Amino acid sequence: MRGAAYFDGAGPAGADVESVSLLMTATSDLSEIPGVRVSRACVPRHTIHTVAGVPLAPVQRALLDEIRVRDSLVPAVQAIDMTAAAGLISAWLFAEYVGACNGLRGAPLARHAASLAVDEALSPRETWMRMIWVCDLGWEPPLVNLPIFDRYGRLIGVPDLLDPIRGIVGEYDGAVHRERERHRRDLERATRFRDAGLEVVTAVAGDTRAVVIDRLARARARVERAQASSDGSAPGWTTRAPPSSMPARCELTQRLEAAGLGQALTARL
């Protein structure tokens, strides 16, 4: 209702339709009905927003309720990432909110997920790959959707994930990447990454977690072997933007606070 992508009500398989969540007042006597999940809370009237005639719970409360329904770490991180991608709340502000939600069901999971969430992710499957990177392999959190330049300041590309120490790029190519022209551009970009000395690991729809773990682990082994025999020369890439490039994207937290939404998005509800 607020314009965030990937919250379309479809189940994980894409076929089943999930129940609609209704947040009622504590004194409401509405009982459960098919296709509806009912929860109750005291929500201050001034925090309720109306979109297309429908009263909506505050973003932070709606996100917490979504995490309760998902009831698993990776889907919870995906929910926070995609809410941040829509510019509705930052991972930092949501962490502030759930940090004060002592005793609320779902709060411990939400805190854990918020500690792993970022503002820069662009798709749930990109988040899925990042969680394999961090949680399964125990690697340092990668940089997410950060532009990479060559030594002359020319843009090489913007990878989904980047290990800036070892020079490993992680890419998730979903169904949209199968279109011929998009696939051609993806191949050209991967070639530019490799020409600059970066190791590229790509995951595609249908890959299992075990497959991606193996693919990433082998990539790191190749990089470490290459680094052990290198002459120590500077890499052919950098994440430092040249002075002539566009200004860095403003942090989502700063933008939301500048709009006067910081306090509203961290208020306990």
Protein backbone atom coordinates (compact mmCIF):
# COMPACT_ATOMS: atom_id res chain seq x y z
CA MET A 1 0.00 0.00 0.00
CA ARG A 2 2.94 2.35 0.60
CA GLY A 3 4.71 1.37 -2.63
CA ALA A 4 7.26 -1.16 -1.38
CA ALA A 5 8.10 -3.93 -3.84
CA TYR A 6 8.09 -7.66 -3.00
CA PHE A 7 5.22 -7.40 -0.49
CA ASP A 8 2.58 -8.63 -2.93
CA GLY A 9 0.86 -11.16 -0.67
CA ALA A 10 2.14 -14.16 -2.62
CA GLY A 11 3.58 -17.05 -0.66
CA PRO A 12 7.16 -18.26 -1.01
CA ALA A 13 6.23 -20.47 -3.95
CA GLY A 14 4.58 -17.54 -5.70
CA ALA A 15 1.24 -19.33 -6.01
CA ASP A 16 -0.34 -19.34 -2.56
CA VAL A 17 -1.88 -16.11 -1.33
CA GLU A 18 -0.97 -15.16 2.22
CA SER A 19 -3.51 -13.91 4.72
CA VAL A 20 -4.03 -10.19 5.16
CA SER A 21 -2.88 -8.80 8.51
CA LEU A 22 -5.33 -6.62 10.42
CA LEU A 23 -4.12 -4.70 13.46
CA MET A 24 -7.11 -4.03 15.70
CA THR A 25 -7.54 -2.08 18.91
CA ALA A 26 -7.10 -4.02 22.13
CA THR A 27 -10.86 -3.90 22.81
CA SER A 28 -11.96 -5.10 19.36
CA ASP A 29 -14.05 -8.26 19.37
CA LEU A 30 -13.37 -9.16 15.71
CA SER A 31 -12.64 -12.88 15.55
CA GLU A 32 -10.46 -14.72 13.09
CA ILE A 33 -11.97 -15.11 9.64
CA PRO A 34 -10.58 -16.97 6.58
CA GLY A 35 -7.86 -15.04 4.78
CA VAL A 36 -7.26 -12.63 7.68
CA ARG A 37 -4.76 -12.59 10.54
CA VAL A 38 -5.88 -10.46 13.47
CA SER A 39 -3.54 -8.94 16.04
CA ARG A 40 -4.33 -6.34 18.68
CA ALA A 41 -2.44 -3.38 20.06
CA CYS A 42 -2.96 0.15 21.30
CA VAL A 43 -1.89 2.26 18.33
CA PRO A 44 -2.10 6.04 18.80
CA ARG A 45 -4.54 7.56 16.33
CA HIS A 46 -2.04 10.19 15.14
CA THR A 47 0.36 7.45 13.96
CA ILE A 48 -2.17 5.89 11.59
CA HIS A 49 -1.81 6.86 7.92
CA THR A 50 -4.57 6.56 5.34
CA VAL A 51 -3.66 5.44 1.81
CA ALA A 52 -6.40 5.11 -0.83
CA GLY A 53 -8.96 5.24 1.96
CA VAL A 54 -7.35 2.40 3.93
CA PRO A 55 -6.00 3.13 7.45
CA LEU A 56 -2.50 1.71 7.77
CA ALA A 57 -0.41 0.88 10.82
CA PRO A 58 2.90 2.76 11.20
CA VAL A 59 5.72 1.39 9.05
CA GLN A 60 7.77 0.07 11.96
CA ARG A 61 4.84 -1.81 13.49
CA ALA A 62 3.80 -3.26 10.13
CA LEU A 63 7.37 -4.44 9.53
CA LEU A 64 7.57 -6.06 12.96
CA ASP A 65 4.29 -7.87 12.31
CA GLU A 66 5.61 -9.06 8.93
CA ILE A 67 8.72 -10.45 10.64
CA ARG A 68 6.50 -12.27 13.14
CA VAL A 69 4.65 -13.94 10.28
CA ARG A 70 7.85 -14.91 8.47
CA ASP A 71 9.32 -16.33 11.70
CA SER A 72 12.75 -17.08 10.20
CA LEU A 73 15.99 -15.09 10.02
CA VAL A 74 16.67 -14.80 6.29
CA PRO A 75 13.06 -13.91 5.35
CA ALA A 76 13.08 -11.38 8.20
CA VAL A 77 16.25 -9.73 6.88
CA GLN A 78 14.71 -9.69 3.42
CA ALA A 79 11.65 -7.88 4.79
CA ILE A 80 13.78 -5.16 6.42
CA ASP A 81 16.02 -4.81 3.34
CA MET A 82 13.07 -4.38 1.00
CA THR A 83 11.31 -1.90 3.31
CA ALA A 84 14.53 0.13 3.35
CA ALA A 85 14.85 -0.21 -0.44
CA ALA A 86 11.46 1.48 -0.70
CA GLY A 87 12.73 4.35 1.45
CA LEU A 88 10.15 3.71 4.17
CA ILE A 89 12.51 3.08 7.08
CA SER A 90 16.24 2.45 7.41
CA ALA A 91 17.76 -0.62 9.01
CA TRP A 92 19.24 1.66 11.68
CA LEU A 93 15.92 3.29 12.58
CA PHE A 94 14.16 -0.07 12.67
CA ALA A 95 16.90 -1.40 14.97
CA GLU A 96 16.27 1.57 17.27
CA TYR A 97 12.55 0.77 17.28
CA VAL A 98 12.84 -2.96 18.03
CA GLY A 99 15.59 -2.27 20.55
CA ALA A 100 12.94 -0.67 22.77
CA CYS A 101 10.29 -3.34 22.14
CA ASN A 102 11.03 -5.40 25.22
CA GLY A 103 8.52 -8.16 25.80
CA LEU A 104 6.87 -7.95 22.38
CA ARG A 105 6.51 -11.21 20.49
CA GLY A 106 8.92 -11.35 17.57
CA ALA A 107 11.22 -8.64 18.92
CA PRO A 108 14.30 -10.89 19.46
CA LEU A 109 14.12 -12.16 15.87
CA ALA A 110 13.57 -8.62 14.61
CA ARG A 111 16.64 -7.39 16.50
CA HIS A 112 18.80 -10.16 15.07
CA ALA A 113 17.52 -9.48 11.56
CA ALA A 114 18.03 -5.72 11.94
CA SER A 115 21.68 -6.32 12.87
CA LEU A 116 22.17 -8.00 9.48
CA ALA A 117 19.99 -5.73 7.34
CA VAL A 118 21.23 -2.96 5.03
CA ASP A 119 19.66 -0.03 3.22
CA GLU A 120 21.28 -0.70 -0.17
CA ALA A 121 19.88 -4.12 -1.19
CA LEU A 122 17.69 -4.16 -4.29
CA SER A 123 16.07 -7.61 -4.29
CA PRO A 124 15.23 -10.38 -1.81
CA ARG A 125 17.42 -12.92 -3.61
CA GLU A 126 20.36 -10.54 -3.41
CA THR A 127 19.77 -10.53 0.35
CA TRP A 128 19.56 -14.33 0.30
CA MET A 129 23.01 -14.51 -1.30
CA ARG A 130 24.40 -12.01 1.21
CA MET A 131 23.12 -14.11 4.11
CA ILE A 132 24.94 -17.14 2.70
CA TRP A 133 28.06 -14.97 2.49
CA VAL A 134 27.75 -13.77 6.11
CA CYS A 135 25.87 -16.46 8.04
CA ASP A 136 26.85 -19.71 6.32
CA LEU A 137 30.44 -18.88 5.39
CA GLY A 138 31.11 -16.47 8.25
CA TRP A 139 32.70 -13.90 5.93
CA GLU A 140 32.87 -10.20 6.71
CA PRO A 141 29.70 -8.34 5.57
CA PRO A 142 30.18 -7.34 1.93
CA LEU A 143 29.73 -3.90 0.47
CA VAL A 144 26.32 -3.77 -1.22
CA ASN A 145 25.61 -2.13 -4.60
CA LEU A 146 28.67 0.10 -4.40
CA PRO A 147 30.13 1.46 -7.67
CA ILE A 148 33.56 0.17 -8.70
CA PHE A 149 35.91 2.30 -10.82
CA ASP A 150 39.12 1.57 -12.70
CA ARG A 151 42.38 3.36 -11.91
CA TYR A 152 41.45 6.12 -14.35
CA GLY A 153 38.16 6.89 -12.60
CA ARG A 154 35.94 5.17 -15.17
CA LEU A 155 32.95 3.21 -13.88
CA ILE A 156 33.42 -0.55 -14.21
CA GLY A 157 30.06 -1.54 -12.72
CA VAL A 158 27.91 -1.78 -9.61
CA PRO A 159 28.01 -5.35 -8.25
CA ASP A 160 25.43 -6.75 -5.86
CA LEU A 161 28.11 -7.73 -3.33
CA LEU A 162 31.82 -6.95 -2.97
CA ASP A 163 34.58 -8.20 -0.69
CA PRO A 164 36.92 -5.19 -0.91
CA ILE A 165 39.82 -7.02 0.76
CA ARG A 166 39.96 -10.06 -1.50
CA GLY A 167 38.32 -8.59 -4.57
CA ILE A 168 35.41 -11.03 -4.81
CA VAL A 169 32.21 -9.90 -6.52
CA GLY A 170 28.88 -11.64 -5.86
CA GLU A 171 26.03 -11.32 -8.35
CA TYR A 172 22.51 -12.72 -8.25
CA ASP A 173 20.93 -12.97 -11.70
CA GLY A 174 17.18 -13.50 -11.51
CA ALA A 175 14.67 -14.12 -14.27
CA VAL A 176 14.96 -10.59 -15.65
CA HIS A 177 18.62 -11.29 -16.49
CA ARG A 178 17.60 -14.02 -18.97
CA GLU A 179 16.39 -11.45 -21.50
CA ARG A 180 18.90 -11.44 -24.35
CA GLU A 181 20.01 -7.81 -24.19
CA ARG A 182 20.23 -7.85 -20.39
CA HIS A 183 22.22 -11.07 -20.49
CA ARG A 184 24.63 -9.53 -22.99
CA ARG A 185 25.18 -6.51 -20.74
CA ASP A 186 25.72 -8.80 -17.74
CA LEU A 187 28.42 -10.73 -19.60
CA GLU A 188 30.15 -7.51 -20.65
CA ARG A 189 30.11 -6.22 -17.08
CA ALA A 190 31.48 -9.50 -15.70
CA THR A 191 34.29 -9.29 -18.25
CA ARG A 192 35.14 -5.77 -17.09
CA PHE A 193 35.23 -6.96 -13.48
CA ARG A 194 37.59 -9.83 -14.37
CA ASP A 195 39.80 -7.60 -16.52
CA ALA A 196 40.23 -5.36 -13.46
CA GLY A 197 41.34 -8.34 -11.38
CA LEU A 198 38.08 -9.14 -9.58
CA GLU A 199 36.82 -12.68 -9.01
CA VAL A 200 33.14 -12.93 -10.04
CA VAL A 201 30.69 -15.41 -8.50
CA THR A 202 27.19 -15.56 -9.98
CA ALA A 203 24.13 -17.26 -8.52
CA VAL A 204 20.99 -17.82 -10.57
CA ALA A 205 17.40 -18.86 -9.93
CA GLY A 206 17.29 -22.51 -8.93
CA ASP A 207 20.69 -22.57 -7.26
CA THR A 208 20.58 -24.17 -3.82
CA ARG A 209 22.32 -22.74 -0.79
CA ALA A 210 24.84 -25.60 -0.91
CA VAL A 211 25.70 -24.78 -4.52
CA VAL A 212 26.28 -21.11 -3.75
CA ILE A 213 28.35 -21.93 -0.64
CA ASP A 214 30.60 -24.17 -2.72
CA ARG A 215 30.89 -21.61 -5.51
CA LEU A 216 31.87 -18.80 -3.14
CA ALA A 217 34.31 -20.96 -1.16
CA ARG A 218 36.12 -22.05 -4.31
CA ALA A 219 36.31 -18.45 -5.48
CA ARG A 220 37.96 -17.38 -2.23
CA ALA A 221 40.44 -20.26 -2.48
CA ARG A 222 41.42 -19.13 -5.99
CA VAL A 223 41.84 -15.54 -4.83
CA GLU A 224 43.98 -16.51 -1.86
CA ARG A 225 46.23 -18.65 -4.06
CA ALA A 226 46.61 -15.78 -6.51
CA GLN A 227 47.35 -13.28 -3.73
CA ALA A 228 50.01 -15.56 -2.28
CA SER A 229 51.92 -15.49 -5.57
CA SER A 230 51.27 -11.86 -6.55
CA ASP A 231 53.96 -9.20 -6.81
CA GLY A 232 52.02 -6.83 -4.54
CA SER A 233 51.12 -4.38 -7.30
CA ALA A 234 48.04 -2.17 -6.88
CA PRO A 235 44.74 -3.65 -8.09
CA GLY A 236 43.12 -2.35 -11.23
CA TRP A 237 39.96 -1.26 -9.42
CA THR A 238 38.84 0.95 -6.55
CA THR A 239 35.65 1.88 -4.72
CA ARG A 240 36.86 5.47 -4.35
CA ALA A 241 34.73 7.62 -6.64
CA PRO A 242 36.59 10.19 -8.77
CA PRO A 243 35.96 13.88 -7.97
CA SER A 244 34.01 14.27 -11.20
CA SER A 245 31.48 11.55 -10.31
CA MET A 246 28.00 12.12 -8.95
CA PRO A 247 27.74 12.86 -5.19
CA ALA A 248 27.46 9.80 -2.97
CA ARG A 249 23.93 8.61 -2.28
CA CYS A 250 22.64 10.12 0.94
CA GLU A 251 22.21 7.63 3.74
CA LEU A 252 18.59 6.59 4.12
CA THR A 253 18.64 7.32 7.84
CA GLN A 254 19.84 10.87 7.21
CA ARG A 255 17.18 11.43 4.56
CA LEU A 256 14.38 10.16 6.78
CA GLU A 257 15.59 12.19 9.75
CA ALA A 258 15.94 15.28 7.57
CA ALA A 259 12.30 14.79 6.56
CA GLY A 260 11.34 14.81 10.23
CA LEU A 261 10.46 11.10 10.29
CA GLY A 262 13.20 9.77 12.55
CA GLN A 263 11.28 10.11 15.82
CA ALA A 264 8.02 8.83 14.34
CA LEU A 265 9.70 5.73 12.90
CA THR A 266 11.32 4.75 16.20
CA ALA A 267 8.34 5.38 18.47
CA ARG A 268 7.29 2.18 20.22
CA LEU A 269 3.85 1.04 19.07
